[in-house]
Amino acid sequence: MDKYIIKFVLDRKGLISDYHCPFYEPSYYTKKEVLGKNWFDFLVSPDDYEKSMKHFLYTLYSFSNKKEEYKCHMKLKDGKDELFLLHNEINKLDNQQVIIKCEQVEELK
């Protein structure tokens, strides 16, 4: 599968306020299914919850324009976990929001 970017916008509480996926994939959620859900509870694999929360809080409260990058397993609609490279950045239009861009990563077997 080709690499792609899926974009989520989270508010201060981690609720998904916007979502963009540039293609249809049956194992991925639709915008209607994710809006208003808590990013950490709904999409982040339990093993990566703490790491993802740490990066989210750093991005939200560090007041630096540094982009946070890390790998995280996300829960898919089909019940599987998939590894993504995440890029967190503060929303320049609303500094109370974090934009998370997700890029698929091929895992080494």
N, C-alpha and C. Protein backbone atom coordinates (compact mmCIF):
# COMPACT_ATOMS: atom_id res chain seq x y z
N MET A 1 0.84 -1.18 0.00
CA MET A 1 0.00 0.00 0.00
C MET A 1 0.89 1.25 0.00
N ASP A 2 0.49 2.25 -0.74
CA ASP A 2 1.23 3.50 -0.77
C ASP A 2 1.09 4.24 0.55
N LYS A 3 2.08 5.09 0.84
CA LYS A 3 1.98 5.91 2.04
C LYS A 3 0.93 7.00 1.81
N TYR A 4 0.30 7.42 2.87
CA TYR A 4 -0.74 8.44 2.79
C TYR A 4 -0.75 9.20 4.10
N ILE A 5 -1.45 10.30 4.09
CA ILE A 5 -1.56 11.12 5.29
C ILE A 5 -3.04 11.23 5.67
N ILE A 6 -3.33 10.87 6.91
CA ILE A 6 -4.66 11.07 7.48
C ILE A 6 -4.51 12.17 8.53
N LYS A 7 -5.42 13.12 8.55
CA LYS A 7 -5.29 14.25 9.46
C LYS A 7 -6.45 14.28 10.46
N PHE A 8 -6.07 14.46 11.73
CA PHE A 8 -7.04 14.65 12.81
C PHE A 8 -6.77 16.00 13.45
N VAL A 9 -7.83 16.67 13.90
CA VAL A 9 -7.69 17.89 14.70
C VAL A 9 -8.35 17.59 16.04
N LEU A 10 -7.57 17.81 17.13
CA LEU A 10 -8.06 17.54 18.48
C LEU A 10 -8.18 18.83 19.27
N ASP A 11 -9.21 18.90 20.10
CA ASP A 11 -9.31 20.05 21.01
C ASP A 11 -8.47 19.78 22.26
N ARG A 12 -8.50 20.69 23.21
CA ARG A 12 -7.67 20.58 24.43
C ARG A 12 -7.93 19.30 25.23
N LYS A 13 -9.14 18.75 25.11
CA LYS A 13 -9.50 17.55 25.87
C LYS A 13 -9.21 16.26 25.10
N GLY A 14 -8.69 16.40 23.88
CA GLY A 14 -8.40 15.23 23.07
C GLY A 14 -9.56 14.74 22.24
N LEU A 15 -10.63 15.55 22.15
CA LEU A 15 -11.78 15.18 21.33
C LEU A 15 -11.51 15.54 19.88
N ILE A 16 -11.90 14.67 18.98
CA ILE A 16 -11.67 14.88 17.55
C ILE A 16 -12.70 15.87 17.02
N SER A 17 -12.20 17.03 16.55
CA SER A 17 -13.10 18.05 16.02
C SER A 17 -13.09 18.11 14.50
N ASP A 18 -12.09 17.47 13.86
CA ASP A 18 -12.06 17.39 12.41
C ASP A 18 -11.22 16.18 12.01
N TYR A 19 -11.51 15.65 10.83
CA TYR A 19 -10.86 14.44 10.35
C TYR A 19 -10.85 14.46 8.84
N HIS A 20 -9.72 14.13 8.25
CA HIS A 20 -9.63 14.05 6.79
C HIS A 20 -8.83 12.82 6.39
N CYS A 21 -9.46 11.95 5.63
CA CYS A 21 -8.80 10.78 5.06
C CYS A 21 -9.02 10.88 3.56
N PRO A 22 -7.94 10.97 2.76
CA PRO A 22 -8.08 11.26 1.34
C PRO A 22 -8.53 10.08 0.46
N PHE A 23 -8.92 8.96 1.05
CA PHE A 23 -9.32 7.80 0.26
C PHE A 23 -10.26 6.95 1.09
N TYR A 24 -10.89 5.98 0.46
CA TYR A 24 -11.76 5.06 1.18
C TYR A 24 -11.01 3.76 1.44
N GLU A 25 -11.02 3.32 2.66
CA GLU A 25 -10.43 2.04 3.07
C GLU A 25 -11.40 1.44 4.09
N PRO A 26 -11.93 0.24 3.81
CA PRO A 26 -12.95 -0.34 4.70
C PRO A 26 -12.54 -0.46 6.17
N SER A 27 -11.23 -0.63 6.44
CA SER A 27 -10.82 -0.80 7.83
C SER A 27 -10.65 0.53 8.57
N TYR A 28 -10.81 1.67 7.88
CA TYR A 28 -10.67 2.98 8.51
C TYR A 28 -12.04 3.59 8.77
N TYR A 29 -12.10 4.39 9.78
CA TYR A 29 -13.36 5.01 10.17
C TYR A 29 -13.73 6.15 9.23
N THR A 30 -15.02 6.44 9.19
CA THR A 30 -15.50 7.60 8.44
C THR A 30 -15.46 8.83 9.36
N LYS A 31 -15.58 9.99 8.78
CA LYS A 31 -15.59 11.23 9.55
C LYS A 31 -16.73 11.21 10.58
N LYS A 32 -17.88 10.76 10.16
CA LYS A 32 -19.05 10.69 11.05
C LYS A 32 -18.78 9.80 12.27
N GLU A 33 -18.01 8.73 12.08
CA GLU A 33 -17.75 7.79 13.17
C GLU A 33 -16.73 8.31 14.19
N VAL A 34 -15.87 9.26 13.80
CA VAL A 34 -14.83 9.71 14.73
C VAL A 34 -15.08 11.08 15.34
N LEU A 35 -15.86 11.93 14.69
CA LEU A 35 -16.07 13.28 15.24
C LEU A 35 -16.67 13.22 16.64
N GLY A 36 -16.07 13.99 17.55
CA GLY A 36 -16.55 14.04 18.92
C GLY A 36 -16.00 12.94 19.83
N LYS A 37 -15.32 11.96 19.25
CA LYS A 37 -14.74 10.88 20.05
C LYS A 37 -13.41 11.32 20.66
N ASN A 38 -13.05 10.70 21.77
CA ASN A 38 -11.76 10.97 22.39
C ASN A 38 -10.69 10.19 21.64
N TRP A 39 -9.72 10.92 21.10
CA TRP A 39 -8.63 10.34 20.30
C TRP A 39 -7.95 9.17 21.03
N PHE A 40 -7.62 9.40 22.29
CA PHE A 40 -6.83 8.44 23.06
C PHE A 40 -7.62 7.17 23.37
N ASP A 41 -8.88 7.31 23.73
CA ASP A 41 -9.70 6.15 24.08
C ASP A 41 -10.18 5.39 22.85
N PHE A 42 -10.48 6.11 21.79
CA PHE A 42 -11.11 5.50 20.61
C PHE A 42 -10.10 4.95 19.61
N LEU A 43 -8.96 5.63 19.41
CA LEU A 43 -8.06 5.26 18.33
C LEU A 43 -6.67 4.78 18.74
N VAL A 44 -6.17 5.21 19.87
CA VAL A 44 -4.81 4.87 20.25
C VAL A 44 -4.78 3.49 20.93
N SER A 45 -3.86 2.65 20.48
CA SER A 45 -3.69 1.34 21.10
C SER A 45 -3.31 1.52 22.57
N PRO A 46 -3.84 0.70 23.47
CA PRO A 46 -3.53 0.84 24.90
C PRO A 46 -2.02 0.87 25.20
N ASP A 47 -1.23 0.12 24.45
CA ASP A 47 0.22 0.11 24.68
C ASP A 47 0.89 1.45 24.38
N ASP A 48 0.27 2.25 23.54
CA ASP A 48 0.85 3.54 23.15
C ASP A 48 0.11 4.74 23.75
N TYR A 49 -0.85 4.47 24.64
CA TYR A 49 -1.66 5.54 25.23
C TYR A 49 -0.80 6.59 25.93
N GLU A 50 0.07 6.14 26.83
CA GLU A 50 0.89 7.07 27.62
C GLU A 50 1.82 7.90 26.73
N LYS A 51 2.45 7.25 25.77
CA LYS A 51 3.36 7.95 24.86
C LYS A 51 2.60 9.00 24.03
N SER A 52 1.45 8.61 23.52
CA SER A 52 0.65 9.52 22.70
C SER A 52 0.17 10.72 23.52
N MET A 53 -0.26 10.47 24.75
CA MET A 53 -0.72 11.54 25.64
C MET A 53 0.43 12.50 25.94
N LYS A 54 1.61 11.97 26.20
CA LYS A 54 2.78 12.82 26.49
C LYS A 54 3.08 13.75 25.32
N HIS A 55 3.07 13.23 24.12
CA HIS A 55 3.35 14.06 22.94
C HIS A 55 2.25 15.10 22.70
N PHE A 56 1.00 14.71 22.92
CA PHE A 56 -0.12 15.64 22.77
C PHE A 56 0.02 16.80 23.75
N LEU A 57 0.26 16.49 25.02
CA LEU A 57 0.38 17.54 26.03
C LEU A 57 1.59 18.44 25.77
N TYR A 58 2.70 17.86 25.35
CA TYR A 58 3.88 18.66 25.03
C TYR A 58 3.56 19.63 23.90
N THR A 59 2.92 19.13 22.86
CA THR A 59 2.57 19.99 21.71
C THR A 59 1.63 21.10 22.15
N LEU A 60 0.65 20.77 22.95
CA LEU A 60 -0.36 21.75 23.37
C LEU A 60 0.19 22.82 24.31
N TYR A 61 1.08 22.44 25.22
CA TYR A 61 1.50 23.37 26.28
C TYR A 61 2.94 23.86 26.20
N SER A 62 3.71 23.41 25.22
CA SER A 62 5.12 23.83 25.18
C SER A 62 5.30 25.21 24.57
N PHE A 63 4.32 25.69 23.82
CA PHE A 63 4.39 27.00 23.17
C PHE A 63 5.58 27.14 22.23
N SER A 64 6.07 26.02 21.76
CA SER A 64 7.10 26.07 20.73
C SER A 64 6.45 25.61 19.44
N ASN A 65 7.01 26.00 18.34
CA ASN A 65 6.46 25.58 17.06
C ASN A 65 7.10 24.30 16.57
N LYS A 66 7.82 23.64 17.47
CA LYS A 66 8.46 22.38 17.13
C LYS A 66 7.40 21.31 16.88
N LYS A 67 7.57 20.56 15.81
CA LYS A 67 6.65 19.47 15.51
C LYS A 67 7.12 18.22 16.23
N GLU A 68 6.21 17.55 16.89
CA GLU A 68 6.49 16.30 17.59
C GLU A 68 6.26 15.15 16.62
N GLU A 69 7.20 14.21 16.57
CA GLU A 69 7.07 13.06 15.68
C GLU A 69 7.34 11.79 16.49
N TYR A 70 6.48 10.80 16.33
CA TYR A 70 6.63 9.54 17.05
C TYR A 70 5.81 8.46 16.37
N LYS A 71 6.09 7.20 16.68
CA LYS A 71 5.34 6.08 16.14
C LYS A 71 4.30 5.63 17.16
N CYS A 72 3.15 5.23 16.64
CA CYS A 72 2.04 4.86 17.50
C CYS A 72 1.16 3.84 16.78
N HIS A 73 0.72 2.83 17.51
CA HIS A 73 -0.25 1.88 16.96
C HIS A 73 -1.65 2.45 17.17
N MET A 74 -2.43 2.42 16.10
CA MET A 74 -3.81 2.91 16.17
C MET A 74 -4.78 1.77 15.92
N LYS A 75 -5.91 1.83 16.63
CA LYS A 75 -6.95 0.81 16.49
C LYS A 75 -7.77 1.09 15.23
N LEU A 76 -7.93 0.08 14.40
CA LEU A 76 -8.71 0.22 13.18
C LEU A 76 -10.11 -0.33 13.38
N LYS A 77 -10.96 -0.01 12.45
CA LYS A 77 -12.37 -0.41 12.50
C LYS A 77 -12.52 -1.94 12.49
N ASP A 78 -11.60 -2.62 11.82
CA ASP A 78 -11.68 -4.08 11.72
C ASP A 78 -11.10 -4.79 12.95
N GLY A 79 -10.72 -4.03 13.98
CA GLY A 79 -10.22 -4.60 15.22
C GLY A 79 -8.71 -4.79 15.28
N LYS A 80 -8.03 -4.55 14.18
CA LYS A 80 -6.58 -4.69 14.14
C LYS A 80 -5.91 -3.39 14.55
N ASP A 81 -4.64 -3.48 14.93
CA ASP A 81 -3.80 -2.31 15.19
C ASP A 81 -2.87 -2.13 14.00
N GLU A 82 -2.61 -0.88 13.66
CA GLU A 82 -1.67 -0.58 12.58
C GLU A 82 -0.71 0.49 13.04
N LEU A 83 0.56 0.36 12.67
CA LEU A 83 1.59 1.31 13.07
C LEU A 83 1.59 2.52 12.15
N PHE A 84 1.58 3.71 12.78
CA PHE A 84 1.62 4.98 12.05
C PHE A 84 2.74 5.84 12.60
N LEU A 85 3.28 6.67 11.75
CA LEU A 85 4.19 7.73 12.15
C LEU A 85 3.32 8.97 12.32
N LEU A 86 3.32 9.54 13.52
CA LEU A 86 2.47 10.69 13.81
C LEU A 86 3.30 11.95 13.89
N HIS A 87 2.74 13.02 13.38
CA HIS A 87 3.34 14.35 13.42
C HIS A 87 2.34 15.26 14.13
N ASN A 88 2.68 15.70 15.33
CA ASN A 88 1.81 16.61 16.07
C ASN A 88 2.29 18.04 15.87
N GLU A 89 1.36 18.95 15.70
CA GLU A 89 1.69 20.38 15.66
C GLU A 89 0.50 21.18 16.15
N ILE A 90 0.77 22.35 16.66
CA ILE A 90 -0.30 23.22 17.14
C ILE A 90 -1.01 23.82 15.93
N ASN A 91 -2.30 23.96 16.02
CA ASN A 91 -3.08 24.57 14.94
C ASN A 91 -2.78 26.08 14.94
N LYS A 92 -2.22 26.57 13.86
CA LYS A 92 -1.85 27.99 13.80
C LYS A 92 -3.06 28.92 13.81
N LEU A 93 -4.23 28.42 13.43
CA LEU A 93 -5.45 29.22 13.44
C LEU A 93 -6.16 29.21 14.80
N ASP A 94 -5.86 28.20 15.59
CA ASP A 94 -6.48 28.07 16.92
C ASP A 94 -5.49 27.34 17.82
N ASN A 95 -4.78 28.09 18.65
CA ASN A 95 -3.72 27.48 19.46
C ASN A 95 -4.25 26.60 20.58
N GLN A 96 -5.55 26.36 20.61
CA GLN A 96 -6.13 25.44 21.58
C GLN A 96 -6.38 24.07 20.94
N GLN A 97 -5.89 23.90 19.70
CA GLN A 97 -6.07 22.64 18.99
C GLN A 97 -4.73 22.07 18.55
N VAL A 98 -4.68 20.74 18.49
CA VAL A 98 -3.50 20.04 18.00
C VAL A 98 -3.88 19.31 16.72
N ILE A 99 -3.06 19.46 15.70
CA ILE A 99 -3.26 18.72 14.45
C ILE A 99 -2.33 17.51 14.49
N ILE A 100 -2.88 16.34 14.23
CA ILE A 100 -2.09 15.12 14.18
C ILE A 100 -2.19 14.56 12.76
N LYS A 101 -1.05 14.48 12.11
CA LYS A 101 -0.99 13.89 10.77
C LYS A 101 -0.40 12.49 10.92
N CYS A 102 -1.09 11.51 10.33
CA CYS A 102 -0.73 10.11 10.48
C CYS A 102 -0.28 9.54 9.14
N GLU A 103 0.87 8.91 9.15
CA GLU A 103 1.41 8.30 7.94
C GLU A 103 1.66 6.82 8.22
N GLN A 104 1.18 5.97 7.35
CA GLN A 104 1.34 4.53 7.55
C GLN A 104 2.81 4.15 7.54
N VAL A 105 3.19 3.22 8.41
CA VAL A 105 4.56 2.73 8.50
C VAL A 105 4.53 1.22 8.27
N GLU A 106 5.44 0.76 7.45
CA GLU A 106 5.58 -0.69 7.25
C GLU A 106 6.38 -1.25 8.41
N GLU A 107 5.83 -2.20 9.13
CA GLU A 107 6.54 -2.83 10.24
C GLU A 107 7.49 -3.89 9.72
N LEU A 108 8.64 -3.99 10.37
CA LEU A 108 9.59 -5.06 10.02
C LEU A 108 9.10 -6.36 10.64
N LYS A 109 9.08 -7.39 9.88
CA LYS A 109 8.58 -8.68 10.39
C LYS A 109 9.73 -9.56 10.76
